[in-house]
Amino acid sequence: MLPIILYVIGGLMLLGAGIAVLTGVMVALLPQLIFGGLLLVVGLAIERWRYKPLLHGGPDPRWKDTGERFVDPGSGQLTAVYFDAQRGERHYVVVDEPPK
């Protein structure tokens, strides 16, 4: 819910910057509106792309188990790391076995 609210705020800041450019009003706030809006929108897009959620289902058959296991600090769940050679991505899947 919070990312959606932040996307809306960033979009409104960019919209306000566009209106300021077209009307000549609030020109003093133009750099803050542009920089703040871009920072919110681009930062949220990068965060969403970079930090993927844990998968709770079984891994795709194409993925290779790397043997890496760790306890996810956010959820406290044991997590296995799989590598997708086709796409060059790592996937994090919750493991049901208790940590050793």
N, C-alpha and C. Protein backbone atom coordinates (compact mmCIF):
# COMPACT_ATOMS: atom_id res chain seq x y z
N MET A 1 0.81 -1.19 0.00
CA MET A 1 0.00 0.00 0.00
C MET A 1 0.86 1.27 0.00
N LEU A 2 1.93 1.26 0.82
CA LEU A 2 2.80 2.43 0.90
C LEU A 2 3.46 2.75 -0.45
N PRO A 3 3.98 1.75 -1.20
CA PRO A 3 4.57 2.10 -2.50
C PRO A 3 3.57 2.77 -3.45
N ILE A 4 2.32 2.36 -3.41
CA ILE A 4 1.32 2.97 -4.28
C ILE A 4 1.12 4.44 -3.90
N ILE A 5 1.05 4.70 -2.61
CA ILE A 5 0.90 6.08 -2.14
C ILE A 5 2.10 6.92 -2.57
N LEU A 6 3.31 6.35 -2.44
CA LEU A 6 4.51 7.09 -2.83
C LEU A 6 4.57 7.31 -4.34
N TYR A 7 4.11 6.34 -5.14
CA TYR A 7 4.03 6.54 -6.60
C TYR A 7 3.08 7.70 -6.91
N VAL A 8 1.95 7.76 -6.22
CA VAL A 8 0.98 8.83 -6.45
C VAL A 8 1.59 10.19 -6.07
N ILE A 9 2.27 10.25 -4.94
CA ILE A 9 2.91 11.51 -4.53
C ILE A 9 3.96 11.94 -5.55
N GLY A 10 4.78 10.98 -6.00
CA GLY A 10 5.79 11.31 -7.01
C GLY A 10 5.15 11.78 -8.30
N GLY A 11 4.09 11.11 -8.72
CA GLY A 11 3.38 11.52 -9.93
C GLY A 11 2.77 12.90 -9.79
N LEU A 12 2.20 13.20 -8.63
CA LEU A 12 1.62 14.52 -8.40
C LEU A 12 2.70 15.61 -8.39
N MET A 13 3.87 15.28 -7.87
CA MET A 13 4.98 16.25 -7.90
C MET A 13 5.40 16.53 -9.33
N LEU A 14 5.50 15.48 -10.15
CA LEU A 14 5.87 15.68 -11.55
C LEU A 14 4.78 16.43 -12.31
N LEU A 15 3.52 16.13 -12.00
CA LEU A 15 2.41 16.86 -12.61
C LEU A 15 2.45 18.34 -12.22
N GLY A 16 2.73 18.60 -10.95
CA GLY A 16 2.87 19.98 -10.48
C GLY A 16 4.01 20.70 -11.18
N ALA A 17 5.11 19.99 -11.43
CA ALA A 17 6.24 20.59 -12.16
C ALA A 17 5.83 20.92 -13.58
N GLY A 18 5.08 20.02 -14.21
CA GLY A 18 4.60 20.28 -15.57
C GLY A 18 3.68 21.49 -15.63
N ILE A 19 2.78 21.58 -14.67
CA ILE A 19 1.86 22.73 -14.61
C ILE A 19 2.65 24.01 -14.36
N ALA A 20 3.67 23.94 -13.49
CA ALA A 20 4.49 25.12 -13.20
C ALA A 20 5.23 25.60 -14.45
N VAL A 21 5.70 24.66 -15.26
CA VAL A 21 6.39 25.04 -16.49
C VAL A 21 5.42 25.70 -17.47
N LEU A 22 4.23 25.13 -17.60
CA LEU A 22 3.26 25.66 -18.57
C LEU A 22 2.67 27.01 -18.16
N THR A 23 2.45 27.20 -16.86
CA THR A 23 1.77 28.42 -16.41
C THR A 23 2.74 29.50 -15.93
N GLY A 24 3.95 29.13 -15.58
CA GLY A 24 4.91 30.10 -15.05
C GLY A 24 4.71 30.39 -13.58
N VAL A 25 3.80 29.66 -12.93
CA VAL A 25 3.53 29.83 -11.50
C VAL A 25 4.40 28.84 -10.73
N MET A 26 4.82 29.20 -9.55
CA MET A 26 5.64 28.34 -8.67
C MET A 26 6.95 27.93 -9.33
N VAL A 27 7.55 28.79 -10.12
CA VAL A 27 8.80 28.47 -10.80
C VAL A 27 9.92 28.25 -9.79
N ALA A 28 9.85 28.89 -8.64
CA ALA A 28 10.88 28.71 -7.62
C ALA A 28 10.90 27.29 -7.08
N LEU A 29 9.75 26.62 -7.09
CA LEU A 29 9.67 25.25 -6.59
C LEU A 29 9.94 24.20 -7.67
N LEU A 30 10.15 24.63 -8.89
CA LEU A 30 10.31 23.70 -10.01
C LEU A 30 11.42 22.67 -9.80
N PRO A 31 12.64 23.06 -9.40
CA PRO A 31 13.69 22.03 -9.20
C PRO A 31 13.33 21.01 -8.13
N GLN A 32 12.71 21.47 -7.04
CA GLN A 32 12.33 20.55 -5.97
C GLN A 32 11.25 19.58 -6.44
N LEU A 33 10.29 20.07 -7.19
CA LEU A 33 9.22 19.20 -7.69
C LEU A 33 9.76 18.16 -8.66
N ILE A 34 10.60 18.59 -9.58
CA ILE A 34 11.16 17.65 -10.57
C ILE A 34 12.05 16.63 -9.88
N PHE A 35 13.01 17.10 -9.07
CA PHE A 35 13.94 16.19 -8.42
C PHE A 35 13.22 15.25 -7.47
N GLY A 36 12.33 15.77 -6.65
CA GLY A 36 11.61 14.93 -5.68
C GLY A 36 10.72 13.91 -6.36
N GLY A 37 10.00 14.34 -7.40
CA GLY A 37 9.12 13.41 -8.13
C GLY A 37 9.90 12.31 -8.82
N LEU A 38 10.99 12.70 -9.51
CA LEU A 38 11.81 11.69 -10.18
C LEU A 38 12.46 10.74 -9.18
N LEU A 39 12.93 11.28 -8.06
CA LEU A 39 13.56 10.45 -7.04
C LEU A 39 12.58 9.40 -6.51
N LEU A 40 11.36 9.80 -6.23
CA LEU A 40 10.36 8.85 -5.74
C LEU A 40 10.01 7.79 -6.79
N VAL A 41 9.68 8.22 -7.99
CA VAL A 41 9.21 7.29 -9.01
C VAL A 41 10.33 6.34 -9.45
N VAL A 42 11.51 6.88 -9.75
CA VAL A 42 12.62 6.03 -10.21
C VAL A 42 13.12 5.15 -9.07
N GLY A 43 13.22 5.70 -7.87
CA GLY A 43 13.67 4.90 -6.73
C GLY A 43 12.74 3.73 -6.43
N LEU A 44 11.45 3.96 -6.49
CA LEU A 44 10.49 2.87 -6.25
C LEU A 44 10.55 1.83 -7.37
N ALA A 45 10.74 2.27 -8.60
CA ALA A 45 10.83 1.32 -9.72
C ALA A 45 12.07 0.45 -9.58
N ILE A 46 13.20 1.04 -9.20
CA ILE A 46 14.43 0.27 -9.01
C ILE A 46 14.26 -0.69 -7.84
N GLU A 47 13.67 -0.23 -6.75
CA GLU A 47 13.47 -1.11 -5.58
C GLU A 47 12.58 -2.29 -5.93
N ARG A 48 11.55 -2.05 -6.70
CA ARG A 48 10.64 -3.14 -7.08
C ARG A 48 11.33 -4.14 -8.01
N TRP A 49 12.20 -3.63 -8.89
CA TRP A 49 12.92 -4.51 -9.82
C TRP A 49 14.03 -5.27 -9.11
N ARG A 50 14.73 -4.62 -8.18
CA ARG A 50 15.92 -5.21 -7.56
C ARG A 50 15.58 -6.20 -6.44
N TYR A 51 14.68 -5.86 -5.57
CA TYR A 51 14.38 -6.69 -4.41
C TYR A 51 13.12 -7.48 -4.65
N LYS A 52 13.30 -8.74 -5.01
CA LYS A 52 12.17 -9.60 -5.35
C LYS A 52 11.66 -10.30 -4.08
N PRO A 53 10.36 -10.58 -4.01
CA PRO A 53 9.83 -11.26 -2.83
C PRO A 53 10.22 -12.74 -2.83
N LEU A 54 10.14 -13.36 -1.67
CA LEU A 54 10.40 -14.79 -1.55
C LEU A 54 9.28 -15.58 -2.21
N LEU A 55 9.64 -16.66 -2.89
CA LEU A 55 8.65 -17.52 -3.51
C LEU A 55 8.26 -18.61 -2.52
N HIS A 56 6.98 -18.90 -2.42
CA HIS A 56 6.52 -19.90 -1.46
C HIS A 56 6.16 -21.22 -2.14
N GLY A 57 6.18 -21.29 -3.45
CA GLY A 57 5.90 -22.54 -4.15
C GLY A 57 7.19 -23.28 -4.45
N GLY A 58 7.05 -24.41 -5.10
CA GLY A 58 8.24 -25.15 -5.52
C GLY A 58 8.96 -24.42 -6.62
N PRO A 59 10.26 -24.67 -6.77
CA PRO A 59 11.01 -23.99 -7.82
C PRO A 59 10.65 -24.51 -9.21
N ASP A 60 10.90 -23.70 -10.21
CA ASP A 60 10.71 -24.09 -11.60
C ASP A 60 11.70 -25.22 -11.93
N PRO A 61 11.31 -26.21 -12.72
CA PRO A 61 12.23 -27.31 -13.03
C PRO A 61 13.51 -26.88 -13.75
N ARG A 62 13.49 -25.74 -14.43
CA ARG A 62 14.69 -25.27 -15.13
C ARG A 62 15.75 -24.73 -14.17
N TRP A 63 15.34 -24.33 -12.97
CA TRP A 63 16.26 -23.70 -12.04
C TRP A 63 17.16 -24.75 -11.40
N LYS A 64 18.41 -24.38 -11.18
CA LYS A 64 19.39 -25.26 -10.53
C LYS A 64 19.58 -24.79 -9.09
N ASP A 65 19.56 -25.77 -8.17
CA ASP A 65 19.79 -25.45 -6.76
C ASP A 65 21.28 -25.15 -6.57
N THR A 66 21.59 -23.99 -6.01
CA THR A 66 22.99 -23.61 -5.78
C THR A 66 23.54 -24.21 -4.50
N GLY A 67 22.67 -24.74 -3.66
CA GLY A 67 23.09 -25.28 -2.37
C GLY A 67 23.15 -24.22 -1.28
N GLU A 68 22.96 -22.99 -1.65
CA GLU A 68 22.99 -21.90 -0.66
C GLU A 68 21.70 -21.90 0.15
N ARG A 69 21.82 -21.75 1.46
CA ARG A 69 20.68 -21.63 2.36
C ARG A 69 20.98 -20.53 3.36
N PHE A 70 19.97 -19.74 3.67
CA PHE A 70 20.14 -18.70 4.68
C PHE A 70 18.79 -18.39 5.29
N VAL A 71 18.83 -17.80 6.46
CA VAL A 71 17.59 -17.36 7.11
C VAL A 71 17.35 -15.92 6.68
N ASP A 72 16.22 -15.69 6.03
CA ASP A 72 15.88 -14.36 5.54
C ASP A 72 15.67 -13.44 6.73
N PRO A 73 16.42 -12.33 6.79
CA PRO A 73 16.29 -11.45 7.96
C PRO A 73 14.92 -10.78 8.07
N GLY A 74 14.23 -10.58 6.96
CA GLY A 74 12.93 -9.91 7.01
C GLY A 74 11.82 -10.81 7.52
N SER A 75 11.83 -12.09 7.09
CA SER A 75 10.74 -12.99 7.46
C SER A 75 11.15 -14.04 8.49
N GLY A 76 12.46 -14.25 8.65
CA GLY A 76 12.93 -15.28 9.58
C GLY A 76 12.78 -16.70 9.04
N GLN A 77 12.50 -16.85 7.75
CA GLN A 77 12.29 -18.17 7.15
C GLN A 77 13.56 -18.65 6.45
N LEU A 78 13.77 -19.98 6.51
CA LEU A 78 14.90 -20.58 5.80
C LEU A 78 14.64 -20.47 4.31
N THR A 79 15.64 -20.00 3.58
CA THR A 79 15.48 -19.72 2.16
C THR A 79 16.56 -20.42 1.35
N ALA A 80 16.14 -21.02 0.24
CA ALA A 80 17.07 -21.68 -0.69
C ALA A 80 17.28 -20.79 -1.91
N VAL A 81 18.48 -20.84 -2.46
CA VAL A 81 18.80 -20.02 -3.63
C VAL A 81 18.87 -20.92 -4.86
N TYR A 82 18.16 -20.53 -5.91
CA TYR A 82 18.16 -21.25 -7.18
C TYR A 82 18.65 -20.31 -8.27
N PHE A 83 19.30 -20.89 -9.29
CA PHE A 83 19.81 -20.09 -10.40
C PHE A 83 19.11 -20.50 -11.68
N ASP A 84 18.62 -19.51 -12.40
CA ASP A 84 17.96 -19.72 -13.69
C ASP A 84 18.98 -19.36 -14.77
N ALA A 85 19.60 -20.37 -15.38
CA ALA A 85 20.66 -20.16 -16.37
C ALA A 85 20.13 -19.48 -17.63
N GLN A 86 18.88 -19.74 -17.98
CA GLN A 86 18.30 -19.14 -19.18
C GLN A 86 18.24 -17.62 -19.08
N ARG A 87 17.82 -17.12 -17.95
CA ARG A 87 17.64 -15.68 -17.77
C ARG A 87 18.77 -15.04 -16.97
N GLY A 88 19.64 -15.86 -16.36
CA GLY A 88 20.74 -15.33 -15.57
C GLY A 88 20.30 -14.71 -14.26
N GLU A 89 19.19 -15.20 -13.71
CA GLU A 89 18.63 -14.64 -12.48
C GLU A 89 18.74 -15.63 -11.33
N ARG A 90 18.78 -15.07 -10.13
CA ARG A 90 18.71 -15.88 -8.91
C ARG A 90 17.30 -15.77 -8.35
N HIS A 91 16.79 -16.88 -7.82
CA HIS A 91 15.45 -16.91 -7.23
C HIS A 91 15.58 -17.42 -5.80
N TYR A 92 14.78 -16.86 -4.92
CA TYR A 92 14.82 -17.21 -3.50
C TYR A 92 13.51 -17.89 -3.13
N VAL A 93 13.62 -19.16 -2.69
CA VAL A 93 12.44 -19.98 -2.40
C VAL A 93 12.47 -20.38 -0.94
N VAL A 94 11.34 -20.22 -0.25
CA VAL A 94 11.22 -20.62 1.15
C VAL A 94 11.31 -22.12 1.26
N VAL A 95 12.13 -22.62 2.20
CA VAL A 95 12.31 -24.04 2.44
C VAL A 95 11.49 -24.42 3.68
N ASP A 96 10.83 -25.57 3.63
CA ASP A 96 10.01 -26.00 4.76
C ASP A 96 10.79 -26.65 5.88
N GLU A 97 12.03 -27.13 5.60
CA GLU A 97 12.79 -27.80 6.64
C GLU A 97 13.36 -26.79 7.64
N PRO A 98 13.51 -27.18 8.90
CA PRO A 98 14.02 -26.26 9.91
C PRO A 98 15.53 -26.02 9.70
N PRO A 99 16.04 -24.85 10.08
CA PRO A 99 17.47 -24.59 9.92
C PRO A 99 18.30 -25.48 10.82
N LYS A 100 19.51 -25.83 10.35
CA LYS A 100 20.41 -26.73 11.13
C LYS A 100 21.36 -25.93 11.96
